N, C-alpha and C. Protein backbone atom coordinates (compact mmCIF):
# COMPACT_ATOMS: atom_id res chain seq x y z
N MET A 1 -98.51 -45.99 29.44
CA MET A 1 -97.49 -47.03 29.33
C MET A 1 -96.82 -47.25 30.69
N LYS A 2 -96.69 -48.51 31.08
CA LYS A 2 -96.07 -48.86 32.35
C LYS A 2 -94.71 -49.53 32.10
N ILE A 3 -93.73 -49.18 32.94
CA ILE A 3 -92.40 -49.75 32.83
C ILE A 3 -91.97 -50.26 34.20
N ASP A 4 -91.49 -51.49 34.24
CA ASP A 4 -90.99 -52.09 35.47
C ASP A 4 -89.80 -51.26 35.98
N LYS A 5 -89.87 -50.80 37.22
CA LYS A 5 -88.82 -49.94 37.77
C LYS A 5 -87.49 -50.66 37.92
N ASN A 6 -87.50 -51.99 37.86
CA ASN A 6 -86.26 -52.76 37.99
C ASN A 6 -85.56 -53.00 36.66
N ILE A 7 -86.15 -52.53 35.57
CA ILE A 7 -85.61 -52.76 34.24
C ILE A 7 -84.94 -51.49 33.71
N ASP A 8 -83.70 -51.67 33.18
CA ASP A 8 -82.93 -50.53 32.70
C ASP A 8 -82.76 -50.49 31.18
N PHE A 9 -83.02 -51.62 30.49
CA PHE A 9 -82.90 -51.61 29.03
C PHE A 9 -83.80 -52.68 28.42
N PHE A 10 -84.11 -52.48 27.13
CA PHE A 10 -85.01 -53.39 26.41
C PHE A 10 -84.34 -53.87 25.12
N VAL A 11 -84.56 -55.15 24.81
CA VAL A 11 -84.03 -55.75 23.58
C VAL A 11 -85.19 -56.40 22.84
N PHE A 12 -85.35 -56.04 21.57
CA PHE A 12 -86.48 -56.52 20.77
C PHE A 12 -86.00 -57.35 19.58
N ASP A 13 -86.63 -58.49 19.39
CA ASP A 13 -86.52 -59.20 18.11
C ASP A 13 -87.22 -58.34 17.06
N LEU A 14 -86.99 -58.67 15.79
CA LEU A 14 -87.62 -57.91 14.71
C LEU A 14 -88.86 -58.63 14.17
N GLY A 15 -88.66 -59.77 13.49
CA GLY A 15 -89.77 -60.48 12.89
C GLY A 15 -90.69 -61.10 13.92
N GLY A 16 -91.98 -60.80 13.83
CA GLY A 16 -92.95 -61.34 14.77
C GLY A 16 -93.08 -60.52 16.04
N VAL A 17 -92.22 -59.51 16.18
CA VAL A 17 -92.28 -58.63 17.35
C VAL A 17 -92.53 -57.19 16.90
N ILE A 18 -91.65 -56.66 16.05
CA ILE A 18 -91.83 -55.31 15.52
C ILE A 18 -92.59 -55.35 14.19
N ILE A 19 -92.16 -56.22 13.29
CA ILE A 19 -92.86 -56.37 12.02
C ILE A 19 -93.73 -57.63 12.07
N ASP A 20 -94.94 -57.52 11.54
CA ASP A 20 -95.83 -58.68 11.49
C ASP A 20 -95.34 -59.66 10.43
N LEU A 21 -95.48 -60.95 10.74
CA LEU A 21 -95.09 -62.01 9.81
C LEU A 21 -96.32 -62.79 9.38
N ASP A 22 -96.25 -63.32 8.16
CA ASP A 22 -97.32 -64.19 7.65
C ASP A 22 -96.66 -65.41 7.02
N ILE A 23 -96.27 -66.36 7.87
CA ILE A 23 -95.62 -67.58 7.39
C ILE A 23 -96.55 -68.38 6.47
N PRO A 24 -97.86 -68.49 6.79
CA PRO A 24 -98.75 -69.23 5.88
C PRO A 24 -98.75 -68.68 4.46
N PHE A 25 -98.54 -67.37 4.30
CA PHE A 25 -98.50 -66.79 2.95
C PHE A 25 -97.31 -67.35 2.17
N THR A 26 -96.15 -67.42 2.81
CA THR A 26 -94.97 -67.98 2.14
C THR A 26 -95.17 -69.46 1.84
N ILE A 27 -95.80 -70.18 2.76
CA ILE A 27 -96.10 -71.59 2.52
C ILE A 27 -97.01 -71.74 1.31
N SER A 28 -98.02 -70.87 1.22
CA SER A 28 -98.94 -70.90 0.09
C SER A 28 -98.21 -70.60 -1.22
N GLN A 29 -97.30 -69.61 -1.18
CA GLN A 29 -96.51 -69.30 -2.37
C GLN A 29 -95.68 -70.50 -2.81
N LEU A 30 -95.01 -71.13 -1.84
CA LEU A 30 -94.19 -72.29 -2.17
C LEU A 30 -95.04 -73.42 -2.74
N SER A 31 -96.20 -73.65 -2.14
CA SER A 31 -97.08 -74.72 -2.61
C SER A 31 -97.50 -74.50 -4.05
N SER A 32 -97.67 -73.22 -4.43
CA SER A 32 -98.09 -72.93 -5.80
C SER A 32 -96.95 -73.18 -6.80
N TYR A 33 -95.70 -73.14 -6.31
CA TYR A 33 -94.55 -73.36 -7.17
C TYR A 33 -94.11 -74.83 -7.20
N LEU A 34 -94.47 -75.56 -6.13
CA LEU A 34 -93.94 -76.91 -5.95
C LEU A 34 -95.02 -77.96 -6.09
N ASP A 35 -94.58 -79.18 -6.33
CA ASP A 35 -95.52 -80.30 -6.39
C ASP A 35 -95.88 -80.78 -4.99
N GLY A 36 -94.96 -80.58 -4.03
CA GLY A 36 -95.17 -81.09 -2.68
C GLY A 36 -95.84 -80.08 -1.77
N ASP A 37 -95.78 -80.38 -0.46
CA ASP A 37 -96.39 -79.55 0.57
C ASP A 37 -95.46 -78.40 0.91
N GLY A 38 -95.92 -77.17 0.69
CA GLY A 38 -95.09 -76.00 0.99
C GLY A 38 -94.69 -75.92 2.44
N ASN A 39 -95.56 -76.40 3.33
CA ASN A 39 -95.27 -76.35 4.76
C ASN A 39 -94.05 -77.21 5.09
N ASP A 40 -94.04 -78.44 4.58
CA ASP A 40 -92.91 -79.33 4.82
C ASP A 40 -91.64 -78.79 4.17
N GLU A 41 -91.78 -78.29 2.95
CA GLU A 41 -90.61 -77.79 2.23
C GLU A 41 -89.99 -76.60 2.95
N LEU A 42 -90.82 -75.67 3.40
CA LEU A 42 -90.30 -74.49 4.09
C LEU A 42 -89.67 -74.87 5.41
N GLY A 43 -90.32 -75.75 6.16
CA GLY A 43 -89.77 -76.19 7.44
C GLY A 43 -88.41 -76.83 7.28
N ASN A 44 -88.28 -77.68 6.26
CA ASN A 44 -87.00 -78.34 6.01
C ASN A 44 -85.92 -77.33 5.65
N PHE A 45 -86.29 -76.32 4.85
CA PHE A 45 -85.29 -75.35 4.44
C PHE A 45 -84.89 -74.43 5.58
N MET A 46 -85.85 -74.01 6.41
CA MET A 46 -85.53 -73.10 7.51
C MET A 46 -84.54 -73.74 8.48
N ALA A 47 -84.59 -75.07 8.59
CA ALA A 47 -83.67 -75.78 9.48
C ALA A 47 -82.37 -76.18 8.78
N HIS A 48 -82.27 -75.88 7.49
CA HIS A 48 -81.11 -76.30 6.70
C HIS A 48 -79.87 -75.48 7.09
N PRO A 49 -78.70 -76.12 7.13
CA PRO A 49 -77.47 -75.38 7.46
C PRO A 49 -77.21 -74.18 6.55
N VAL A 50 -77.67 -74.23 5.31
CA VAL A 50 -77.47 -73.10 4.39
C VAL A 50 -78.22 -71.87 4.89
N HIS A 51 -79.44 -72.07 5.37
CA HIS A 51 -80.21 -70.94 5.90
C HIS A 51 -79.50 -70.35 7.12
N HIS A 52 -79.03 -71.21 8.01
CA HIS A 52 -78.33 -70.73 9.20
C HIS A 52 -77.04 -70.00 8.80
N ALA A 53 -76.34 -70.53 7.81
CA ALA A 53 -75.10 -69.88 7.35
C ALA A 53 -75.40 -68.49 6.78
N PHE A 54 -76.51 -68.37 6.07
CA PHE A 54 -76.89 -67.07 5.50
C PHE A 54 -77.20 -66.08 6.62
N GLU A 55 -77.88 -66.54 7.65
CA GLU A 55 -78.22 -65.66 8.77
C GLU A 55 -76.98 -65.25 9.56
N LYS A 56 -75.90 -66.01 9.45
CA LYS A 56 -74.66 -65.65 10.14
C LYS A 56 -73.69 -64.90 9.23
N GLY A 57 -74.14 -64.60 8.01
CA GLY A 57 -73.30 -63.85 7.09
C GLY A 57 -72.15 -64.64 6.52
N GLU A 58 -72.25 -65.96 6.56
CA GLU A 58 -71.15 -66.81 6.10
C GLU A 58 -71.18 -67.06 4.60
N ILE A 59 -72.32 -66.80 3.97
CA ILE A 59 -72.42 -66.95 2.51
C ILE A 59 -73.09 -65.71 1.94
N SER A 60 -72.84 -65.44 0.68
CA SER A 60 -73.39 -64.26 0.01
C SER A 60 -74.84 -64.49 -0.41
N GLU A 61 -75.49 -63.41 -0.80
CA GLU A 61 -76.86 -63.52 -1.31
C GLU A 61 -76.89 -64.38 -2.57
N ALA A 62 -75.90 -64.24 -3.43
CA ALA A 62 -75.87 -65.02 -4.67
C ALA A 62 -75.76 -66.52 -4.38
N ILE A 63 -74.88 -66.88 -3.44
CA ILE A 63 -74.73 -68.29 -3.08
C ILE A 63 -76.01 -68.80 -2.43
N PHE A 64 -76.62 -67.99 -1.58
CA PHE A 64 -77.87 -68.39 -0.93
C PHE A 64 -78.94 -68.69 -1.97
N ARG A 65 -79.09 -67.81 -2.96
CA ARG A 65 -80.11 -68.04 -3.99
C ARG A 65 -79.80 -69.31 -4.79
N ASP A 66 -78.53 -69.54 -5.08
CA ASP A 66 -78.16 -70.77 -5.79
C ASP A 66 -78.50 -72.00 -4.96
N GLU A 67 -78.31 -71.91 -3.65
CA GLU A 67 -78.64 -73.04 -2.78
C GLU A 67 -80.14 -73.28 -2.72
N ILE A 68 -80.93 -72.21 -2.79
CA ILE A 68 -82.38 -72.37 -2.85
C ILE A 68 -82.77 -73.11 -4.13
N ARG A 69 -82.18 -72.71 -5.24
CA ARG A 69 -82.47 -73.39 -6.51
C ARG A 69 -82.12 -74.87 -6.42
N ARG A 70 -80.98 -75.14 -5.81
CA ARG A 70 -80.53 -76.53 -5.69
C ARG A 70 -81.44 -77.31 -4.73
N SER A 71 -81.80 -76.70 -3.61
CA SER A 71 -82.61 -77.39 -2.61
C SER A 71 -84.00 -77.73 -3.13
N PHE A 72 -84.59 -76.80 -3.89
CA PHE A 72 -85.94 -77.01 -4.38
C PHE A 72 -85.98 -77.55 -5.82
N ASN A 73 -84.78 -77.69 -6.42
CA ASN A 73 -84.67 -78.20 -7.78
C ASN A 73 -85.51 -77.37 -8.76
N LYS A 74 -85.36 -76.04 -8.64
CA LYS A 74 -86.10 -75.12 -9.48
C LYS A 74 -85.15 -74.06 -10.05
N GLU A 75 -85.41 -73.65 -11.29
CA GLU A 75 -84.60 -72.61 -11.92
C GLU A 75 -85.26 -71.24 -11.74
N TRP A 76 -85.52 -70.89 -10.49
CA TRP A 76 -86.15 -69.61 -10.21
C TRP A 76 -85.17 -68.46 -10.46
N THR A 77 -85.71 -67.31 -10.88
CA THR A 77 -84.88 -66.11 -11.02
C THR A 77 -84.62 -65.52 -9.64
N ASP A 78 -83.65 -64.61 -9.58
CA ASP A 78 -83.38 -63.91 -8.31
C ASP A 78 -84.65 -63.20 -7.83
N ARG A 79 -85.36 -62.57 -8.75
CA ARG A 79 -86.57 -61.83 -8.38
C ARG A 79 -87.63 -62.77 -7.79
N GLU A 80 -87.80 -63.94 -8.38
CA GLU A 80 -88.78 -64.90 -7.87
C GLU A 80 -88.39 -65.39 -6.47
N ILE A 81 -87.11 -65.68 -6.28
CA ILE A 81 -86.65 -66.15 -4.98
C ILE A 81 -86.88 -65.08 -3.92
N ASP A 82 -86.52 -63.85 -4.23
CA ASP A 82 -86.68 -62.77 -3.25
C ASP A 82 -88.15 -62.54 -2.93
N ALA A 83 -89.02 -62.66 -3.93
CA ALA A 83 -90.46 -62.46 -3.70
C ALA A 83 -91.01 -63.53 -2.77
N ILE A 84 -90.59 -64.78 -2.97
CA ILE A 84 -91.04 -65.86 -2.08
C ILE A 84 -90.46 -65.66 -0.68
N TRP A 85 -89.18 -65.39 -0.62
CA TRP A 85 -88.46 -65.27 0.65
C TRP A 85 -88.98 -64.10 1.47
N ASN A 86 -89.32 -63.00 0.80
CA ASN A 86 -89.79 -61.81 1.50
C ASN A 86 -91.30 -61.79 1.70
N GLY A 87 -91.99 -62.79 1.15
CA GLY A 87 -93.45 -62.80 1.22
C GLY A 87 -93.99 -62.85 2.63
N MET A 88 -93.21 -63.39 3.56
CA MET A 88 -93.66 -63.50 4.95
C MET A 88 -93.63 -62.16 5.69
N LEU A 89 -92.93 -61.17 5.14
CA LEU A 89 -92.76 -59.87 5.81
C LEU A 89 -93.96 -58.98 5.48
N LYS A 90 -94.68 -58.56 6.50
CA LYS A 90 -95.91 -57.81 6.27
C LYS A 90 -95.81 -56.37 6.78
N ASN A 91 -96.62 -56.00 7.74
CA ASN A 91 -96.73 -54.60 8.15
C ASN A 91 -95.96 -54.30 9.43
N ILE A 92 -95.63 -53.03 9.60
CA ILE A 92 -95.05 -52.53 10.85
C ILE A 92 -96.07 -51.57 11.45
N PRO A 93 -96.80 -52.00 12.48
CA PRO A 93 -97.83 -51.13 13.07
C PRO A 93 -97.22 -49.86 13.66
N MET A 94 -97.84 -48.74 13.39
CA MET A 94 -97.33 -47.46 13.87
C MET A 94 -97.30 -47.40 15.39
N GLN A 95 -98.20 -48.11 16.05
CA GLN A 95 -98.21 -48.07 17.51
C GLN A 95 -96.92 -48.66 18.09
N LYS A 96 -96.29 -49.57 17.37
CA LYS A 96 -95.02 -50.13 17.85
C LYS A 96 -93.89 -49.13 17.68
N ILE A 97 -93.95 -48.35 16.61
CA ILE A 97 -92.96 -47.29 16.41
C ILE A 97 -93.09 -46.25 17.52
N GLU A 98 -94.32 -45.90 17.83
CA GLU A 98 -94.56 -44.92 18.90
C GLU A 98 -94.10 -45.46 20.25
N LEU A 99 -94.28 -46.76 20.47
CA LEU A 99 -93.80 -47.39 21.70
C LEU A 99 -92.29 -47.26 21.82
N LEU A 100 -91.58 -47.58 20.75
CA LEU A 100 -90.11 -47.48 20.77
C LEU A 100 -89.66 -46.05 21.07
N ARG A 101 -90.31 -45.10 20.47
CA ARG A 101 -89.93 -43.70 20.69
C ARG A 101 -90.16 -43.28 22.14
N GLU A 102 -91.26 -43.74 22.72
CA GLU A 102 -91.54 -43.41 24.11
C GLU A 102 -90.52 -44.06 25.04
N LEU A 103 -90.19 -45.32 24.78
CA LEU A 103 -89.23 -46.03 25.63
C LEU A 103 -87.87 -45.35 25.59
N ARG A 104 -87.46 -44.89 24.42
CA ARG A 104 -86.12 -44.31 24.28
C ARG A 104 -85.97 -42.98 25.02
N LYS A 105 -87.07 -42.40 25.44
CA LYS A 105 -86.98 -41.17 26.22
C LYS A 105 -86.36 -41.43 27.59
N THR A 106 -86.48 -42.67 28.07
CA THR A 106 -86.01 -42.98 29.42
C THR A 106 -85.09 -44.20 29.50
N HIS A 107 -85.08 -45.05 28.45
CA HIS A 107 -84.33 -46.31 28.50
C HIS A 107 -83.64 -46.57 27.16
N PRO A 108 -82.46 -47.21 27.19
CA PRO A 108 -81.86 -47.69 25.94
C PRO A 108 -82.71 -48.81 25.33
N VAL A 109 -82.78 -48.81 24.01
CA VAL A 109 -83.60 -49.78 23.29
C VAL A 109 -82.74 -50.40 22.18
N TYR A 110 -82.73 -51.73 22.10
CA TYR A 110 -81.88 -52.44 21.15
C TYR A 110 -82.69 -53.42 20.32
N MET A 111 -82.21 -53.70 19.12
CA MET A 111 -82.77 -54.76 18.29
C MET A 111 -81.79 -55.93 18.25
N LEU A 112 -82.30 -57.15 18.40
CA LEU A 112 -81.50 -58.36 18.23
C LEU A 112 -82.27 -59.30 17.33
N SER A 113 -81.78 -59.50 16.11
CA SER A 113 -82.55 -60.25 15.12
C SER A 113 -81.69 -61.26 14.37
N ASN A 114 -82.23 -62.47 14.21
CA ASN A 114 -81.70 -63.41 13.22
C ASN A 114 -82.23 -62.96 11.87
N THR A 115 -81.36 -62.43 11.04
CA THR A 115 -81.82 -61.90 9.76
C THR A 115 -80.74 -62.08 8.71
N ASN A 116 -80.93 -61.47 7.56
CA ASN A 116 -80.01 -61.62 6.43
C ASN A 116 -80.17 -60.40 5.53
N GLY A 117 -79.26 -60.26 4.59
CA GLY A 117 -79.26 -59.08 3.75
C GLY A 117 -80.53 -58.91 2.94
N ILE A 118 -81.07 -59.99 2.39
CA ILE A 118 -82.28 -59.91 1.58
C ILE A 118 -83.46 -59.44 2.42
N HIS A 119 -83.64 -60.07 3.58
CA HIS A 119 -84.76 -59.70 4.44
C HIS A 119 -84.61 -58.29 4.99
N PHE A 120 -83.41 -57.94 5.44
CA PHE A 120 -83.28 -56.65 6.12
C PHE A 120 -83.49 -55.49 5.16
N LYS A 121 -83.03 -55.62 3.93
CA LYS A 121 -83.30 -54.57 2.95
C LYS A 121 -84.80 -54.40 2.73
N LYS A 122 -85.51 -55.52 2.63
CA LYS A 122 -86.95 -55.47 2.41
C LYS A 122 -87.66 -54.87 3.62
N VAL A 123 -87.24 -55.24 4.82
CA VAL A 123 -87.88 -54.73 6.02
C VAL A 123 -87.72 -53.21 6.12
N GLU A 124 -86.57 -52.70 5.73
CA GLU A 124 -86.39 -51.24 5.77
C GLU A 124 -87.22 -50.55 4.69
N GLU A 125 -87.47 -51.23 3.57
CA GLU A 125 -88.41 -50.69 2.58
C GLU A 125 -89.81 -50.59 3.17
N ILE A 126 -90.21 -51.65 3.88
CA ILE A 126 -91.53 -51.67 4.51
C ILE A 126 -91.61 -50.58 5.58
N LEU A 127 -90.54 -50.41 6.34
CA LEU A 127 -90.50 -49.36 7.36
C LEU A 127 -90.77 -48.00 6.74
N LEU A 128 -90.10 -47.72 5.63
CA LEU A 128 -90.28 -46.43 4.96
C LEU A 128 -91.71 -46.28 4.43
N ASN A 129 -92.22 -47.33 3.80
CA ASN A 129 -93.57 -47.26 3.22
C ASN A 129 -94.65 -47.13 4.30
N ASP A 130 -94.47 -47.84 5.41
CA ASP A 130 -95.51 -47.86 6.45
C ASP A 130 -95.44 -46.66 7.39
N THR A 131 -94.24 -46.14 7.62
CA THR A 131 -94.08 -45.13 8.68
C THR A 131 -93.41 -43.84 8.22
N GLY A 132 -92.78 -43.86 7.04
CA GLY A 132 -92.03 -42.69 6.60
C GLY A 132 -90.64 -42.60 7.19
N ILE A 133 -90.24 -43.60 7.97
CA ILE A 133 -88.90 -43.65 8.58
C ILE A 133 -88.01 -44.50 7.69
N ASP A 134 -86.81 -44.01 7.36
CA ASP A 134 -86.02 -44.71 6.36
C ASP A 134 -85.04 -45.74 6.93
N ARG A 135 -84.75 -45.69 8.24
CA ARG A 135 -83.78 -46.64 8.81
C ARG A 135 -84.16 -47.01 10.23
N PHE A 136 -83.99 -48.28 10.57
CA PHE A 136 -84.24 -48.71 11.94
C PHE A 136 -83.24 -48.11 12.92
N SER A 137 -82.08 -47.72 12.43
CA SER A 137 -81.06 -47.16 13.32
C SER A 137 -81.51 -45.86 13.98
N THR A 138 -82.55 -45.23 13.43
CA THR A 138 -83.07 -44.01 14.06
C THR A 138 -84.02 -44.32 15.21
N LEU A 139 -84.42 -45.59 15.34
CA LEU A 139 -85.37 -45.98 16.38
C LEU A 139 -84.73 -46.73 17.54
N PHE A 140 -83.53 -47.26 17.32
CA PHE A 140 -82.85 -48.08 18.33
C PHE A 140 -81.49 -47.48 18.66
N ASP A 141 -81.03 -47.74 19.87
CA ASP A 141 -79.69 -47.30 20.25
C ASP A 141 -78.63 -48.10 19.51
N GLU A 142 -78.93 -49.36 19.21
CA GLU A 142 -78.02 -50.17 18.40
C GLU A 142 -78.79 -51.35 17.81
N LEU A 143 -78.37 -51.74 16.59
CA LEU A 143 -78.94 -52.90 15.93
C LEU A 143 -77.95 -54.05 16.02
N PHE A 144 -78.38 -55.17 16.58
CA PHE A 144 -77.56 -56.38 16.64
C PHE A 144 -78.17 -57.37 15.66
N LEU A 145 -77.55 -57.49 14.49
CA LEU A 145 -78.08 -58.29 13.39
C LEU A 145 -77.19 -59.50 13.17
N SER A 146 -77.79 -60.68 13.14
CA SER A 146 -77.02 -61.92 13.10
C SER A 146 -76.05 -61.97 11.92
N HIS A 147 -76.49 -61.51 10.75
CA HIS A 147 -75.63 -61.63 9.57
C HIS A 147 -74.44 -60.67 9.62
N GLU A 148 -74.49 -59.68 10.50
CA GLU A 148 -73.35 -58.79 10.70
C GLU A 148 -72.48 -59.24 11.87
N MET A 149 -73.05 -60.02 12.78
CA MET A 149 -72.34 -60.44 14.00
C MET A 149 -71.64 -61.78 13.85
N GLY A 150 -72.03 -62.57 12.83
CA GLY A 150 -71.42 -63.87 12.63
C GLY A 150 -71.93 -64.95 13.57
N CYS A 151 -73.07 -64.72 14.19
CA CYS A 151 -73.67 -65.70 15.09
C CYS A 151 -75.17 -65.43 15.13
N ARG A 152 -75.93 -66.39 15.68
CA ARG A 152 -77.38 -66.27 15.65
C ARG A 152 -77.99 -66.83 16.93
N LYS A 153 -79.20 -66.38 17.22
CA LYS A 153 -79.96 -66.95 18.33
C LYS A 153 -80.33 -68.39 17.97
N PRO A 154 -80.37 -69.31 18.91
CA PRO A 154 -80.26 -69.12 20.36
C PRO A 154 -78.86 -69.39 20.93
N ASP A 155 -77.80 -69.30 20.11
CA ASP A 155 -76.45 -69.56 20.63
C ASP A 155 -76.09 -68.51 21.69
N ALA A 156 -75.50 -68.97 22.78
CA ALA A 156 -75.20 -68.08 23.91
C ALA A 156 -74.33 -66.91 23.50
N VAL A 157 -73.43 -67.11 22.55
CA VAL A 157 -72.45 -66.08 22.21
C VAL A 157 -73.12 -64.80 21.72
N ILE A 158 -74.25 -64.90 21.04
CA ILE A 158 -74.87 -63.68 20.52
C ILE A 158 -75.44 -62.82 21.65
N TYR A 159 -76.01 -63.46 22.67
CA TYR A 159 -76.52 -62.71 23.82
C TYR A 159 -75.36 -62.11 24.62
N GLU A 160 -74.29 -62.87 24.73
CA GLU A 160 -73.12 -62.38 25.47
C GLU A 160 -72.52 -61.16 24.78
N LYS A 161 -72.48 -61.17 23.45
CA LYS A 161 -71.97 -60.01 22.71
C LYS A 161 -72.86 -58.79 22.93
N VAL A 162 -74.16 -59.01 22.94
CA VAL A 162 -75.09 -57.90 23.18
C VAL A 162 -74.86 -57.32 24.56
N LEU A 163 -74.79 -58.18 25.56
CA LEU A 163 -74.62 -57.71 26.94
C LEU A 163 -73.29 -56.98 27.13
N GLU A 164 -72.26 -57.47 26.46
CA GLU A 164 -70.96 -56.80 26.55
C GLU A 164 -71.04 -55.38 26.00
N LYS A 165 -71.75 -55.22 24.89
CA LYS A 165 -71.88 -53.90 24.28
C LYS A 165 -72.82 -53.00 25.09
N VAL A 166 -73.89 -53.57 25.61
CA VAL A 166 -74.84 -52.79 26.40
C VAL A 166 -74.20 -52.29 27.69
N GLY A 167 -73.39 -53.14 28.31
CA GLY A 167 -72.66 -52.73 29.50
C GLY A 167 -73.48 -52.66 30.77
N MET A 168 -74.58 -53.41 30.81
CA MET A 168 -75.42 -53.47 32.00
C MET A 168 -75.69 -54.93 32.35
N PRO A 169 -75.99 -55.22 33.63
CA PRO A 169 -76.25 -56.61 34.02
C PRO A 169 -77.46 -57.18 33.28
N ALA A 170 -77.38 -58.46 32.95
CA ALA A 170 -78.46 -59.12 32.20
C ALA A 170 -79.80 -59.00 32.91
N GLU A 171 -79.79 -59.10 34.24
CA GLU A 171 -81.05 -59.08 34.98
C GLU A 171 -81.75 -57.72 34.93
N LYS A 172 -81.06 -56.71 34.40
CA LYS A 172 -81.66 -55.39 34.25
C LYS A 172 -82.32 -55.19 32.88
N GLY A 173 -82.29 -56.25 32.05
CA GLY A 173 -82.85 -56.14 30.72
C GLY A 173 -84.02 -57.07 30.49
N VAL A 174 -84.86 -56.71 29.51
CA VAL A 174 -85.95 -57.57 29.06
C VAL A 174 -85.78 -57.81 27.57
N PHE A 175 -85.90 -59.07 27.17
CA PHE A 175 -85.78 -59.47 25.77
C PHE A 175 -87.13 -59.99 25.29
N PHE A 176 -87.60 -59.45 24.16
CA PHE A 176 -88.89 -59.83 23.57
C PHE A 176 -88.64 -60.62 22.30
N ASP A 177 -89.21 -61.82 22.21
CA ASP A 177 -89.03 -62.66 21.02
C ASP A 177 -90.27 -63.52 20.83
N ASP A 178 -90.49 -63.95 19.59
CA ASP A 178 -91.67 -64.78 19.30
C ASP A 178 -91.34 -66.27 19.24
N THR A 179 -90.07 -66.63 19.48
CA THR A 179 -89.64 -68.03 19.33
C THR A 179 -89.10 -68.55 20.65
N ALA A 180 -89.69 -69.64 21.14
CA ALA A 180 -89.35 -70.16 22.46
C ALA A 180 -87.87 -70.49 22.63
N PRO A 181 -87.20 -71.18 21.69
CA PRO A 181 -85.77 -71.47 21.89
C PRO A 181 -84.91 -70.22 22.05
N ASN A 182 -85.28 -69.14 21.36
CA ASN A 182 -84.52 -67.89 21.50
C ASN A 182 -84.68 -67.30 22.89
N LEU A 183 -85.87 -67.45 23.45
CA LEU A 183 -86.11 -66.97 24.81
C LEU A 183 -85.33 -67.81 25.82
N THR A 184 -85.29 -69.11 25.59
CA THR A 184 -84.53 -69.99 26.49
C THR A 184 -83.05 -69.62 26.46
N GLY A 185 -82.53 -69.35 25.27
CA GLY A 185 -81.13 -68.95 25.17
C GLY A 185 -80.84 -67.67 25.93
N ALA A 186 -81.76 -66.72 25.86
CA ALA A 186 -81.60 -65.45 26.58
C ALA A 186 -81.67 -65.66 28.09
N GLN A 187 -82.57 -66.53 28.51
CA GLN A 187 -82.72 -66.81 29.94
C GLN A 187 -81.45 -67.42 30.52
N LYS A 188 -80.75 -68.22 29.72
CA LYS A 188 -79.54 -68.88 30.19
C LYS A 188 -78.42 -67.90 30.52
N VAL A 189 -78.45 -66.71 29.90
CA VAL A 189 -77.43 -65.70 30.23
C VAL A 189 -77.97 -64.69 31.23
N GLY A 190 -79.20 -64.89 31.71
CA GLY A 190 -79.72 -64.06 32.79
C GLY A 190 -80.71 -62.99 32.40
N LEU A 191 -81.05 -62.88 31.11
CA LEU A 191 -82.01 -61.88 30.68
C LEU A 191 -83.43 -62.27 31.09
N ASN A 192 -84.22 -61.28 31.45
CA ASN A 192 -85.66 -61.48 31.58
C ASN A 192 -86.24 -61.58 30.17
N THR A 193 -87.30 -62.35 30.01
CA THR A 193 -87.84 -62.55 28.67
C THR A 193 -89.36 -62.43 28.66
N VAL A 194 -89.87 -62.07 27.49
CA VAL A 194 -91.31 -62.02 27.25
C VAL A 194 -91.58 -62.70 25.92
N HIS A 195 -92.49 -63.67 25.94
CA HIS A 195 -92.85 -64.40 24.72
C HIS A 195 -93.93 -63.62 23.98
N ILE A 196 -93.62 -63.18 22.78
CA ILE A 196 -94.60 -62.48 21.95
C ILE A 196 -95.32 -63.53 21.11
N ASN A 197 -96.41 -64.03 21.64
CA ASN A 197 -97.08 -65.18 21.04
C ASN A 197 -98.46 -64.86 20.47
N HIS A 198 -98.82 -63.58 20.43
CA HIS A 198 -100.04 -63.17 19.74
C HIS A 198 -99.88 -61.70 19.34
N PRO A 199 -100.67 -61.20 18.40
CA PRO A 199 -100.44 -59.86 17.84
C PRO A 199 -100.41 -58.72 18.84
N ASN A 200 -101.13 -58.85 19.95
CA ASN A 200 -101.19 -57.75 20.92
C ASN A 200 -100.25 -57.94 22.11
N ALA A 201 -99.44 -59.00 22.08
CA ALA A 201 -98.64 -59.35 23.26
C ALA A 201 -97.68 -58.25 23.67
N LEU A 202 -97.05 -57.60 22.71
CA LEU A 202 -96.07 -56.56 23.04
C LEU A 202 -96.75 -55.37 23.71
N MET A 203 -97.82 -54.89 23.10
CA MET A 203 -98.51 -53.74 23.67
C MET A 203 -99.15 -54.10 25.01
N ASP A 204 -99.62 -55.34 25.13
CA ASP A 204 -100.22 -55.78 26.40
C ASP A 204 -99.21 -55.75 27.53
N TYR A 205 -97.96 -56.14 27.21
CA TYR A 205 -96.92 -56.15 28.25
C TYR A 205 -96.76 -54.77 28.87
N PHE A 206 -96.71 -53.75 28.05
CA PHE A 206 -96.49 -52.40 28.57
C PHE A 206 -97.76 -51.78 29.14
N SER A 207 -98.88 -52.45 28.97
CA SER A 207 -100.12 -52.02 29.63
C SER A 207 -100.27 -52.65 31.00
N ASP A 208 -99.72 -53.89 31.13
CA ASP A 208 -99.95 -54.67 32.35
C ASP A 208 -98.80 -54.65 33.33
N VAL A 209 -97.57 -54.36 32.86
CA VAL A 209 -96.40 -54.47 33.73
C VAL A 209 -96.51 -53.48 34.88
N HIS A 210 -95.93 -53.86 36.03
CA HIS A 210 -95.95 -52.96 37.19
C HIS A 210 -94.69 -53.15 38.01
């Protein structure tokens, strides 16, 4: 493993970086429940203010589920909603867990994720099932979760809060994310960024960096 000598800390997104995502699976699930195109329906909902409010912890899980029922005009049960919503969350490769452990021997490691209570509970279940580790807090120096912080990427305030807590200059950190706007937001506050745009991108970075 190679580490840039100019970097003092690392910040990782969760979905699409640490845990594998399968958005087409959720689209397929939605399509099976709906008369319309699941792709269009999911895209519209992900951009909906209700989804953003949920990720910022501004509404409860119960209200969020009610808004899903209203948005899709379906009388889905809580269990059905959670199954669809969590369907995109897949595996956590053990090699990524080993990477985090190695990095923490010499550098602080942080998580910064746009997430919510429903997703995060499920992700920690997957963590336990896949790796035997029961909490992400044992792998990171601190978890910065949007629904606990009251803000979300790519708003500048969330990166500023992270940097304030980390206590190191932005240019000494690297932020890994799979979404271009989130990387742009991080760059605006001075963080170095890496776009995780294919399954091996994270591991490749630590193989190629010098």
